[in-house]
Amino acid sequence: MNYEVSVNIMPHQGLLDPQGKAVRQGLNKIGLNQVKDVRIGKKITMHIEALNEAEAAKIAEESCQKVLVNAVMETAEITVKELA
């Protein structure tokens, strides 16, 4: 079966996010003072062939642990969806 896996990667809450800070400051400079915090991450979409959803999630988790995510600085949220 084929699955689409989305991995949302964000910096840990306690860490500074210089990109997010720069974007927030830019928004404030153009008058959008209602924006109080911005966090910038990345979204990765993968198509995985697996026997079932659990196996697809396991492959995605291993991909995160070995390549996609720096566990010291980032967290990942994995979503698996079966493709028709």
N, C-alpha and C. Protein backbone atom coordinates (compact mmCIF):
# COMPACT_ATOMS: atom_id res chain seq x y z
N MET A 1 0.84 -1.18 0.00
CA MET A 1 0.00 0.00 0.00
C MET A 1 0.89 1.24 0.00
N ASN A 2 0.32 2.31 -0.50
CA ASN A 2 1.06 3.56 -0.56
C ASN A 2 0.50 4.56 0.45
N TYR A 3 1.41 5.26 1.10
CA TYR A 3 1.03 6.21 2.13
C TYR A 3 1.73 7.54 1.88
N GLU A 4 1.02 8.61 2.21
CA GLU A 4 1.64 9.93 2.21
C GLU A 4 1.91 10.29 3.67
N VAL A 5 3.15 10.59 3.94
CA VAL A 5 3.56 10.91 5.31
C VAL A 5 3.99 12.37 5.35
N SER A 6 3.42 13.12 6.27
CA SER A 6 3.82 14.51 6.49
C SER A 6 4.59 14.58 7.80
N VAL A 7 5.73 15.22 7.75
CA VAL A 7 6.55 15.42 8.94
C VAL A 7 6.66 16.92 9.18
N ASN A 8 6.11 17.39 10.27
CA ASN A 8 6.22 18.80 10.65
C ASN A 8 7.32 18.92 11.70
N ILE A 9 8.34 19.67 11.38
CA ILE A 9 9.50 19.81 12.25
C ILE A 9 9.56 21.24 12.75
N MET A 10 9.65 21.37 14.07
CA MET A 10 9.69 22.69 14.70
C MET A 10 10.83 22.73 15.72
N PRO A 11 11.38 23.92 15.97
CA PRO A 11 12.38 24.03 17.03
C PRO A 11 11.73 23.77 18.39
N HIS A 12 12.49 23.22 19.32
CA HIS A 12 11.98 23.02 20.68
C HIS A 12 11.48 24.35 21.23
N GLN A 13 10.46 24.29 22.06
CA GLN A 13 9.85 25.49 22.62
C GLN A 13 10.86 26.36 23.37
N GLY A 14 11.76 25.78 24.10
CA GLY A 14 12.69 26.55 24.92
C GLY A 14 13.82 27.21 24.14
N LEU A 15 13.99 26.83 22.88
CA LEU A 15 15.11 27.37 22.10
C LEU A 15 14.72 28.64 21.36
N LEU A 16 15.70 29.48 21.18
CA LEU A 16 15.49 30.68 20.38
C LEU A 16 15.24 30.29 18.93
N ASP A 17 14.41 31.06 18.26
CA ASP A 17 14.12 30.85 16.85
C ASP A 17 14.45 32.15 16.12
N PRO A 18 15.71 32.32 15.70
CA PRO A 18 16.11 33.59 15.09
C PRO A 18 15.31 33.93 13.83
N GLN A 19 14.97 32.93 13.02
CA GLN A 19 14.17 33.18 11.83
C GLN A 19 12.80 33.70 12.22
N GLY A 20 12.18 33.04 13.17
CA GLY A 20 10.86 33.46 13.64
C GLY A 20 10.89 34.86 14.21
N LYS A 21 11.95 35.16 14.97
CA LYS A 21 12.08 36.50 15.56
C LYS A 21 12.20 37.56 14.46
N ALA A 22 13.00 37.27 13.43
CA ALA A 22 13.19 38.22 12.34
C ALA A 22 11.88 38.45 11.59
N VAL A 23 11.12 37.39 11.36
CA VAL A 23 9.84 37.53 10.67
C VAL A 23 8.87 38.35 11.53
N ARG A 24 8.80 38.05 12.84
CA ARG A 24 7.92 38.80 13.73
C ARG A 24 8.28 40.29 13.70
N GLN A 25 9.56 40.61 13.77
CA GLN A 25 9.99 42.01 13.74
C GLN A 25 9.60 42.67 12.42
N GLY A 26 9.76 41.92 11.32
CA GLY A 26 9.38 42.46 10.02
C GLY A 26 7.88 42.74 9.94
N LEU A 27 7.08 41.83 10.47
CA LEU A 27 5.64 42.03 10.48
C LEU A 27 5.26 43.23 11.35
N ASN A 28 5.92 43.35 12.49
CA ASN A 28 5.65 44.51 13.37
C ASN A 28 6.03 45.81 12.68
N LYS A 29 7.12 45.81 11.91
CA LYS A 29 7.57 47.02 11.23
C LYS A 29 6.58 47.49 10.17
N ILE A 30 5.82 46.57 9.60
CA ILE A 30 4.84 46.97 8.58
C ILE A 30 3.46 47.18 9.19
N GLY A 31 3.43 47.27 10.52
CA GLY A 31 2.20 47.63 11.19
C GLY A 31 1.36 46.48 11.72
N LEU A 32 1.83 45.28 11.58
CA LEU A 32 1.08 44.12 12.09
C LEU A 32 1.53 43.81 13.52
N ASN A 33 1.24 44.74 14.41
CA ASN A 33 1.68 44.64 15.80
C ASN A 33 0.92 43.59 16.59
N GLN A 34 -0.15 43.05 16.03
CA GLN A 34 -0.91 42.00 16.71
C GLN A 34 -0.12 40.69 16.74
N VAL A 35 0.85 40.53 15.85
CA VAL A 35 1.65 39.30 15.81
C VAL A 35 2.68 39.38 16.93
N LYS A 36 2.55 38.51 17.90
CA LYS A 36 3.40 38.54 19.09
C LYS A 36 4.49 37.49 19.08
N ASP A 37 4.31 36.41 18.31
CA ASP A 37 5.33 35.36 18.27
C ASP A 37 5.23 34.63 16.94
N VAL A 38 6.37 34.27 16.38
CA VAL A 38 6.43 33.49 15.15
C VAL A 38 7.47 32.40 15.36
N ARG A 39 7.11 31.17 15.03
CA ARG A 39 8.04 30.05 15.07
C ARG A 39 8.10 29.50 13.65
N ILE A 40 9.29 29.27 13.14
CA ILE A 40 9.44 28.78 11.78
C ILE A 40 10.03 27.37 11.83
N GLY A 41 9.39 26.49 11.09
CA GLY A 41 9.84 25.11 11.01
C GLY A 41 9.88 24.68 9.55
N LYS A 42 9.75 23.39 9.35
CA LYS A 42 9.73 22.87 7.99
C LYS A 42 8.76 21.71 7.91
N LYS A 43 8.17 21.54 6.74
CA LYS A 43 7.26 20.44 6.49
C LYS A 43 7.86 19.59 5.39
N ILE A 44 7.93 18.30 5.65
CA ILE A 44 8.46 17.35 4.67
C ILE A 44 7.35 16.36 4.35
N THR A 45 7.12 16.13 3.07
CA THR A 45 6.13 15.15 2.64
C THR A 45 6.85 14.02 1.93
N MET A 46 6.54 12.79 2.34
CA MET A 46 7.15 11.60 1.72
C MET A 46 6.05 10.66 1.27
N HIS A 47 6.27 9.97 0.19
CA HIS A 47 5.40 8.87 -0.22
C HIS A 47 6.14 7.58 0.09
N ILE A 48 5.50 6.75 0.89
CA ILE A 48 6.13 5.53 1.39
C ILE A 48 5.28 4.33 1.00
N GLU A 49 5.95 3.30 0.49
CA GLU A 49 5.28 2.03 0.22
C GLU A 49 5.52 1.12 1.42
N ALA A 50 4.43 0.64 2.02
CA ALA A 50 4.53 -0.18 3.22
C ALA A 50 3.35 -1.14 3.27
N LEU A 51 3.48 -2.16 4.11
CA LEU A 51 2.41 -3.15 4.25
C LEU A 51 1.17 -2.57 4.92
N ASN A 52 1.39 -1.64 5.87
CA ASN A 52 0.26 -1.05 6.60
C ASN A 52 0.69 0.32 7.15
N GLU A 53 -0.27 0.99 7.76
CA GLU A 53 -0.02 2.34 8.28
C GLU A 53 1.05 2.34 9.37
N ALA A 54 1.04 1.33 10.21
CA ALA A 54 2.03 1.25 11.30
C ALA A 54 3.44 1.14 10.75
N GLU A 55 3.62 0.35 9.69
CA GLU A 55 4.95 0.21 9.10
C GLU A 55 5.38 1.52 8.44
N ALA A 56 4.46 2.20 7.79
CA ALA A 56 4.78 3.50 7.17
C ALA A 56 5.21 4.49 8.24
N ALA A 57 4.50 4.49 9.37
CA ALA A 57 4.86 5.39 10.48
C ALA A 57 6.23 5.04 11.04
N LYS A 58 6.53 3.76 11.13
CA LYS A 58 7.84 3.32 11.63
C LYS A 58 8.96 3.77 10.70
N ILE A 59 8.75 3.65 9.40
CA ILE A 59 9.75 4.09 8.41
C ILE A 59 9.95 5.61 8.52
N ALA A 60 8.85 6.34 8.67
CA ALA A 60 8.94 7.79 8.82
C ALA A 60 9.70 8.16 10.09
N GLU A 61 9.40 7.47 11.18
CA GLU A 61 10.09 7.73 12.45
C GLU A 61 11.59 7.48 12.33
N GLU A 62 11.94 6.39 11.69
CA GLU A 62 13.37 6.07 11.49
C GLU A 62 14.03 7.13 10.62
N SER A 63 13.32 7.60 9.58
CA SER A 63 13.85 8.67 8.72
C SER A 63 14.12 9.92 9.54
N CYS A 64 13.21 10.23 10.45
CA CYS A 64 13.38 11.40 11.30
C CYS A 64 14.58 11.24 12.22
N GLN A 65 14.68 10.09 12.86
CA GLN A 65 15.76 9.86 13.82
C GLN A 65 17.13 9.87 13.15
N LYS A 66 17.22 9.34 11.94
CA LYS A 66 18.52 9.18 11.30
C LYS A 66 18.93 10.35 10.41
N VAL A 67 17.95 11.07 9.84
CA VAL A 67 18.31 12.08 8.84
C VAL A 67 17.60 13.42 9.01
N LEU A 68 16.29 13.39 9.17
CA LEU A 68 15.50 14.61 9.01
C LEU A 68 15.50 15.56 10.19
N VAL A 69 15.63 15.04 11.41
CA VAL A 69 15.44 15.86 12.60
C VAL A 69 16.70 15.88 13.45
N ASN A 70 17.07 17.07 13.89
CA ASN A 70 18.13 17.22 14.87
C ASN A 70 17.46 17.18 16.24
N ALA A 71 17.50 16.03 16.90
CA ALA A 71 16.74 15.83 18.15
C ALA A 71 17.16 16.78 19.26
N VAL A 72 18.34 17.33 19.19
CA VAL A 72 18.80 18.27 20.21
C VAL A 72 18.04 19.59 20.11
N MET A 73 17.68 19.97 18.88
CA MET A 73 17.08 21.28 18.65
C MET A 73 15.65 21.24 18.13
N GLU A 74 15.20 20.10 17.64
CA GLU A 74 13.91 20.06 16.95
C GLU A 74 13.01 18.92 17.45
N THR A 75 11.72 19.10 17.24
CA THR A 75 10.74 18.05 17.47
C THR A 75 10.01 17.78 16.16
N ALA A 76 9.46 16.59 16.03
CA ALA A 76 8.75 16.23 14.81
C ALA A 76 7.38 15.66 15.13
N GLU A 77 6.42 16.00 14.30
CA GLU A 77 5.08 15.44 14.38
C GLU A 77 4.82 14.74 13.05
N ILE A 78 4.48 13.46 13.11
CA ILE A 78 4.31 12.64 11.92
C ILE A 78 2.82 12.34 11.72
N THR A 79 2.36 12.53 10.49
CA THR A 79 0.99 12.21 10.11
C THR A 79 1.03 11.28 8.91
N VAL A 80 0.32 10.16 8.99
CA VAL A 80 0.30 9.17 7.92
C VAL A 80 -1.10 9.10 7.33
N LYS A 81 -1.17 9.12 6.00
CA LYS A 81 -2.46 9.04 5.30
C LYS A 81 -2.33 8.04 4.16
N GLU A 82 -3.27 7.11 4.09
CA GLU A 82 -3.27 6.13 3.01
C GLU A 82 -3.68 6.81 1.71
N LEU A 83 -2.95 6.51 0.64
CA LEU A 83 -3.30 7.04 -0.68
C LEU A 83 -4.22 6.07 -1.39
N ALA A 84 -5.17 6.60 -2.11
CA ALA A 84 -6.14 5.75 -2.81
C ALA A 84 -5.53 5.17 -4.07
